[in-house]
Amino acid sequence: MAETVPPLRCLVVDDDPLALQIVENCVATTPFLVHAGSCSSAIAAAEVLRTEPIDLVFLDVEMPLMSGLDLLRTLQHPPLVILITSSKSYAVEAFEHEVLDYVVKPISYARFLQAAQKALAAHEAHLNPALDAIAAPTNTQFTFVKVDSKLLKVLFDEVRYVEALGDYVHIVTAKSKLIVYSTMRAVEEKFPASLFVRVHRSFIVNLKRVQTIEDNTVVIDEKHIPIGQTYQREVFQRLNKF
């Protein structure tokens, strides 16, 4: 991280005191994060988010009176959000709210750090926007994407999936994970339709890399990607023909 970029100001929200302390300790251990506050309820968190500058929220889902997902529905301009919960059942709805990551308890520091690094990448991309980003392909084998001040060659065949990150996209390939200032619409227009299909508001996948379909999710390299209801018919038609 560049020296001029301050640590991400983090809010931890969980009604379980032990879980709250574990996440606070993880934040304190991570050099590019700073603990800006903790709340034991989503209602208290809503007030903090209204009055304090917060870059990243570690948010529990199941809380009394107002759940973490309920809180997200009330926010017009939410910060970066990582959900931390004891259940996998909220994953599809979580991605509808474009959360950065979904961490299932019990939390290991390695898994926490993985999620935090994703937040850092998105934060740095937001602070250093580039005129992007995805060049129109001159063939069906590769394109160039602008990351920071570099144009990087991306082979379409190596792309596993593309994930929306607000005003950015996260291009996951066999060798790298790239944060690019672009939109999902631009990806749809510039990635070959013969190879890629949009499965969700926040995800485009490489059809060749889909391994299984489980409960309205596609699985690529053990990553479960939700299939949005409005995309289901096209996705299954494409998969059947591929």
Protein backbone atom coordinates (compact mmCIF):
# COMPACT_ATOMS: atom_id res chain seq x y z
CA MET A 1 0.00 0.00 0.00
CA ALA A 2 1.30 3.46 -0.82
CA GLU A 3 2.58 5.49 2.13
CA THR A 4 0.05 8.26 1.57
CA VAL A 5 -2.91 5.89 1.88
CA PRO A 6 -4.12 5.64 5.50
CA PRO A 7 -5.32 2.36 7.00
CA LEU A 8 -8.93 1.42 6.42
CA ARG A 9 -11.16 2.59 9.25
CA CYS A 10 -13.10 -0.50 10.36
CA LEU A 11 -16.39 -0.90 12.19
CA VAL A 12 -17.07 -4.32 13.76
CA VAL A 13 -20.72 -5.27 14.27
CA ASP A 14 -21.75 -8.44 16.12
CA ASP A 15 -24.09 -9.16 19.03
CA ASP A 16 -21.84 -12.03 20.22
CA PRO A 17 -19.17 -10.55 22.55
CA LEU A 18 -16.69 -13.35 21.85
CA ALA A 19 -17.05 -13.04 18.08
CA LEU A 20 -16.75 -9.27 18.41
CA GLN A 21 -13.48 -9.62 20.31
CA ILE A 22 -12.07 -12.12 17.81
CA VAL A 23 -12.68 -9.77 14.89
CA GLU A 24 -11.32 -6.80 16.86
CA ASN A 25 -8.13 -8.78 17.50
CA CYS A 26 -7.86 -9.65 13.81
CA VAL A 27 -8.23 -5.98 12.90
CA ALA A 28 -5.56 -5.01 15.43
CA THR A 29 -3.20 -7.62 13.96
CA THR A 30 -3.59 -6.34 10.39
CA PRO A 31 -1.30 -3.39 9.56
CA PHE A 32 -3.52 -1.82 6.90
CA LEU A 33 -6.63 -1.81 9.14
CA VAL A 34 -7.49 0.40 12.10
CA HIS A 35 -10.30 -0.23 14.58
CA ALA A 36 -12.70 2.73 14.45
CA GLY A 37 -15.42 1.24 16.63
CA SER A 38 -17.58 -1.72 17.56
CA CYS A 39 -21.33 -2.18 17.90
CA SER A 40 -23.38 -4.98 19.37
CA SER A 41 -26.41 -4.21 17.21
CA ALA A 42 -27.21 -3.16 13.67
CA ILE A 43 -29.24 -0.26 15.04
CA ALA A 44 -26.19 1.17 16.81
CA ALA A 45 -24.09 0.56 13.69
CA ALA A 46 -26.54 2.53 11.55
CA GLU A 47 -25.96 5.59 13.74
CA VAL A 48 -22.18 5.20 13.58
CA LEU A 49 -22.30 4.90 9.81
CA ARG A 50 -24.43 8.04 9.66
CA THR A 51 -22.03 10.13 11.72
CA GLU A 52 -18.54 8.63 11.33
CA PRO A 53 -16.24 8.06 8.32
CA ILE A 54 -16.02 4.28 7.99
CA ASP A 55 -14.20 2.53 5.14
CA LEU A 56 -14.97 -1.11 5.95
CA VAL A 57 -17.60 -2.91 8.02
CA PHE A 58 -17.21 -6.45 9.38
CA LEU A 59 -20.88 -7.26 9.76
CA ASP A 60 -22.70 -10.14 11.44
CA VAL A 61 -26.03 -11.18 9.89
CA GLU A 62 -28.14 -12.65 12.69
CA MET A 63 -28.83 -9.94 15.28
CA PRO A 64 -31.99 -9.03 17.21
CA LEU A 65 -34.40 -6.31 16.00
CA MET A 66 -32.39 -5.62 12.85
CA SER A 67 -30.20 -8.08 10.98
CA GLY A 68 -27.02 -7.21 9.16
CA LEU A 69 -28.78 -7.63 5.82
CA ASP A 70 -31.59 -5.35 7.05
CA LEU A 71 -28.95 -2.76 7.84
CA LEU A 72 -27.50 -2.97 4.33
CA ARG A 73 -30.94 -2.35 2.85
CA THR A 74 -31.13 0.98 4.71
CA LEU A 75 -27.79 2.33 3.47
CA GLN A 76 -27.84 4.51 0.36
CA HIS A 77 -24.05 4.72 0.14
CA PRO A 78 -22.64 1.76 2.08
CA PRO A 79 -18.92 1.40 2.77
CA LEU A 80 -17.07 -1.76 1.88
CA VAL A 81 -18.74 -4.68 3.67
CA ILE A 82 -17.49 -8.12 4.68
CA LEU A 83 -20.17 -10.37 6.18
CA ILE A 84 -19.13 -12.63 9.05
CA THR A 85 -21.78 -15.13 10.08
CA SER A 86 -22.30 -18.65 11.40
CA SER A 87 -24.52 -19.70 8.48
CA LYS A 88 -23.87 -20.22 4.77
CA SER A 89 -27.55 -19.76 3.94
CA TYR A 90 -27.32 -16.00 3.46
CA ALA A 91 -24.64 -16.10 0.76
CA VAL A 92 -26.88 -15.51 -2.24
CA GLU A 93 -28.70 -12.58 -0.64
CA ALA A 94 -25.39 -11.17 0.58
CA PHE A 95 -24.03 -10.95 -2.95
CA GLU A 96 -27.22 -9.18 -4.03
CA HIS A 97 -25.96 -6.37 -1.79
CA GLU A 98 -22.52 -6.54 -3.45
CA VAL A 99 -20.63 -7.39 -0.27
CA LEU A 100 -16.92 -7.94 -0.80
CA ASP A 101 -16.69 -11.28 0.95
CA TYR A 102 -18.65 -13.75 3.06
CA VAL A 103 -16.76 -15.33 5.95
CA VAL A 104 -18.29 -18.23 7.86
CA LYS A 105 -17.55 -18.64 11.59
CA PRO A 106 -15.42 -19.85 13.27
CA ILE A 107 -12.99 -17.27 11.90
CA SER A 108 -9.35 -18.06 11.28
CA TYR A 109 -6.93 -15.20 10.85
CA ALA A 110 -5.84 -16.55 7.46
CA ARG A 111 -9.41 -16.38 6.16
CA PHE A 112 -9.90 -12.96 7.76
CA LEU A 113 -6.73 -11.67 6.08
CA GLN A 114 -7.85 -12.99 2.71
CA ALA A 115 -11.09 -11.03 2.98
CA ALA A 116 -9.32 -7.92 4.30
CA GLN A 117 -6.85 -7.96 1.40
CA LYS A 118 -9.78 -7.97 -1.01
CA ALA A 119 -11.12 -4.89 0.77
CA LEU A 120 -7.72 -3.22 0.60
CA ALA A 121 -7.49 -3.81 -3.15
CA ALA A 122 -10.95 -2.33 -3.71
CA HIS A 123 -10.13 0.64 -1.46
CA GLU A 124 -6.86 1.38 -3.25
CA ALA A 125 -8.54 1.10 -6.64
CA HIS A 126 -11.16 3.62 -5.50
CA LEU A 127 -8.46 6.05 -4.32
CA ASN A 128 -6.46 5.66 -7.53
CA PRO A 129 -8.99 5.57 -10.36
CA ALA A 130 -7.52 5.15 -13.80
CA LEU A 131 -9.03 5.91 -17.16
CA ASP A 132 -9.97 2.46 -18.00
CA ALA A 133 -9.89 0.06 -18.56
CA ILE A 134 -10.87 -2.92 -20.74
CA ALA A 135 -9.73 -2.61 -24.33
CA ALA A 136 -11.96 -3.86 -27.10
CA PRO A 137 -10.44 -7.17 -28.18
CA THR A 138 -8.83 -7.41 -31.59
CA ASN A 139 -9.34 -11.17 -31.49
CA THR A 140 -11.17 -13.74 -29.39
CA GLN A 141 -8.15 -14.89 -27.40
CA PHE A 142 -7.19 -11.96 -25.16
CA THR A 143 -7.72 -8.35 -24.18
CA PHE A 144 -5.76 -5.72 -22.27
CA VAL A 145 -6.91 -4.23 -18.98
CA LYS A 146 -5.57 -1.15 -17.25
CA VAL A 147 -4.43 -1.71 -13.67
CA ASP A 148 -2.84 1.33 -12.03
CA SER A 149 -0.53 2.66 -14.77
CA LYS A 150 -0.03 -0.64 -16.58
CA LEU A 151 -1.83 -2.38 -19.43
CA LEU A 152 -1.96 -6.07 -18.61
CA LYS A 153 -2.71 -8.81 -21.11
CA VAL A 154 -5.53 -11.11 -20.03
CA LEU A 155 -6.16 -14.37 -21.85
CA PHE A 156 -9.89 -15.05 -22.02
CA ASP A 157 -9.34 -18.77 -21.60
CA GLU A 158 -7.60 -18.17 -18.24
CA VAL A 159 -10.40 -16.04 -16.78
CA ARG A 160 -12.44 -17.95 -14.23
CA TYR A 161 -15.03 -15.30 -13.42
CA VAL A 162 -15.58 -11.56 -13.11
CA GLU A 163 -17.10 -10.05 -9.97
CA ALA A 164 -18.58 -6.55 -9.58
CA LEU A 165 -17.04 -4.31 -6.92
CA GLY A 166 -19.08 -1.12 -7.09
CA ASP A 167 -17.47 1.01 -9.83
CA TYR A 168 -14.82 -1.66 -10.37
CA VAL A 169 -14.65 -5.28 -11.47
CA HIS A 170 -12.58 -8.09 -10.00
CA ILE A 171 -11.20 -10.27 -12.82
CA VAL A 172 -10.14 -13.65 -11.46
CA THR A 173 -7.81 -15.66 -13.69
CA ALA A 174 -5.77 -18.80 -13.26
CA LYS A 175 -2.73 -16.71 -12.28
CA SER A 176 -3.99 -13.42 -10.83
CA LYS A 177 -6.80 -11.38 -9.36
CA LEU A 178 -7.13 -7.94 -10.96
CA ILE A 179 -9.09 -4.92 -9.73
CA VAL A 180 -10.09 -2.88 -12.79
CA TYR A 181 -11.96 0.43 -13.04
CA SER A 182 -14.80 -0.69 -15.26
CA THR A 183 -18.38 -1.94 -15.28
CA MET A 184 -20.04 -5.28 -15.78
CA ARG A 185 -21.69 -3.88 -18.90
CA ALA A 186 -18.25 -3.17 -20.39
CA VAL A 187 -17.14 -6.70 -19.57
CA GLU A 188 -20.23 -8.13 -21.27
CA GLU A 189 -19.55 -6.01 -24.36
CA LYS A 190 -15.83 -6.76 -24.63
CA PHE A 191 -15.54 -10.36 -23.45
CA PRO A 192 -16.62 -12.92 -26.10
CA ALA A 193 -20.24 -13.98 -25.63
CA SER A 194 -19.36 -17.42 -26.94
CA LEU A 195 -17.28 -18.04 -23.82
CA PHE A 196 -18.81 -15.91 -21.06
CA VAL A 197 -22.28 -15.56 -19.57
CA ARG A 198 -23.67 -13.29 -16.91
CA VAL A 199 -25.15 -15.40 -14.12
CA HIS A 200 -25.90 -12.67 -11.61
CA ARG A 201 -25.96 -8.91 -11.29
CA SER A 202 -22.50 -9.17 -9.75
CA PHE A 203 -20.96 -12.12 -11.63
CA ILE A 204 -19.93 -13.14 -15.15
CA VAL A 205 -18.44 -16.62 -15.55
CA ASN A 206 -16.36 -18.49 -18.07
CA LEU A 207 -18.58 -21.34 -19.28
CA LYS A 208 -15.56 -23.58 -19.82
CA ARG A 209 -14.63 -23.27 -16.14
CA VAL A 210 -18.01 -24.22 -14.65
CA GLN A 211 -17.49 -27.52 -12.83
CA THR A 212 -20.86 -28.16 -11.18
CA ILE A 213 -24.22 -26.51 -10.50
CA GLU A 214 -25.52 -26.77 -6.94
CA ASP A 215 -28.70 -25.17 -5.56
CA ASN A 216 -28.78 -22.29 -8.04
CA THR A 217 -25.06 -21.68 -7.82
CA VAL A 218 -22.29 -22.48 -10.27
CA VAL A 219 -19.04 -23.82 -8.86
CA ILE A 220 -15.68 -22.76 -10.29
CA ASP A 221 -12.50 -23.80 -8.47
CA GLU A 222 -14.55 -24.37 -5.28
CA LYS A 223 -16.01 -20.85 -5.52
CA HIS A 224 -19.82 -20.91 -5.24
CA ILE A 225 -21.30 -18.20 -7.47
CA PRO A 226 -25.03 -17.43 -7.19
CA ILE A 227 -27.30 -17.58 -10.22
CA GLY A 228 -29.70 -14.62 -10.10
CA GLN A 229 -33.35 -15.36 -10.76
CA THR A 230 -33.50 -13.07 -13.79
CA TYR A 231 -30.51 -14.83 -15.37
CA GLN A 232 -31.50 -18.45 -14.73
CA ARG A 233 -33.16 -19.23 -18.07
CA GLU A 234 -30.30 -17.89 -20.18
CA VAL A 235 -27.66 -19.49 -17.97
CA PHE A 236 -29.17 -22.96 -18.17
CA GLN A 237 -29.76 -22.63 -21.92
CA ARG A 238 -26.13 -21.64 -22.45
CA LEU A 239 -24.82 -24.42 -20.24
CA ASN A 240 -26.92 -27.01 -22.04
CA LYS A 241 -25.60 -25.90 -25.43
CA PHE A 242 -21.98 -25.48 -24.37
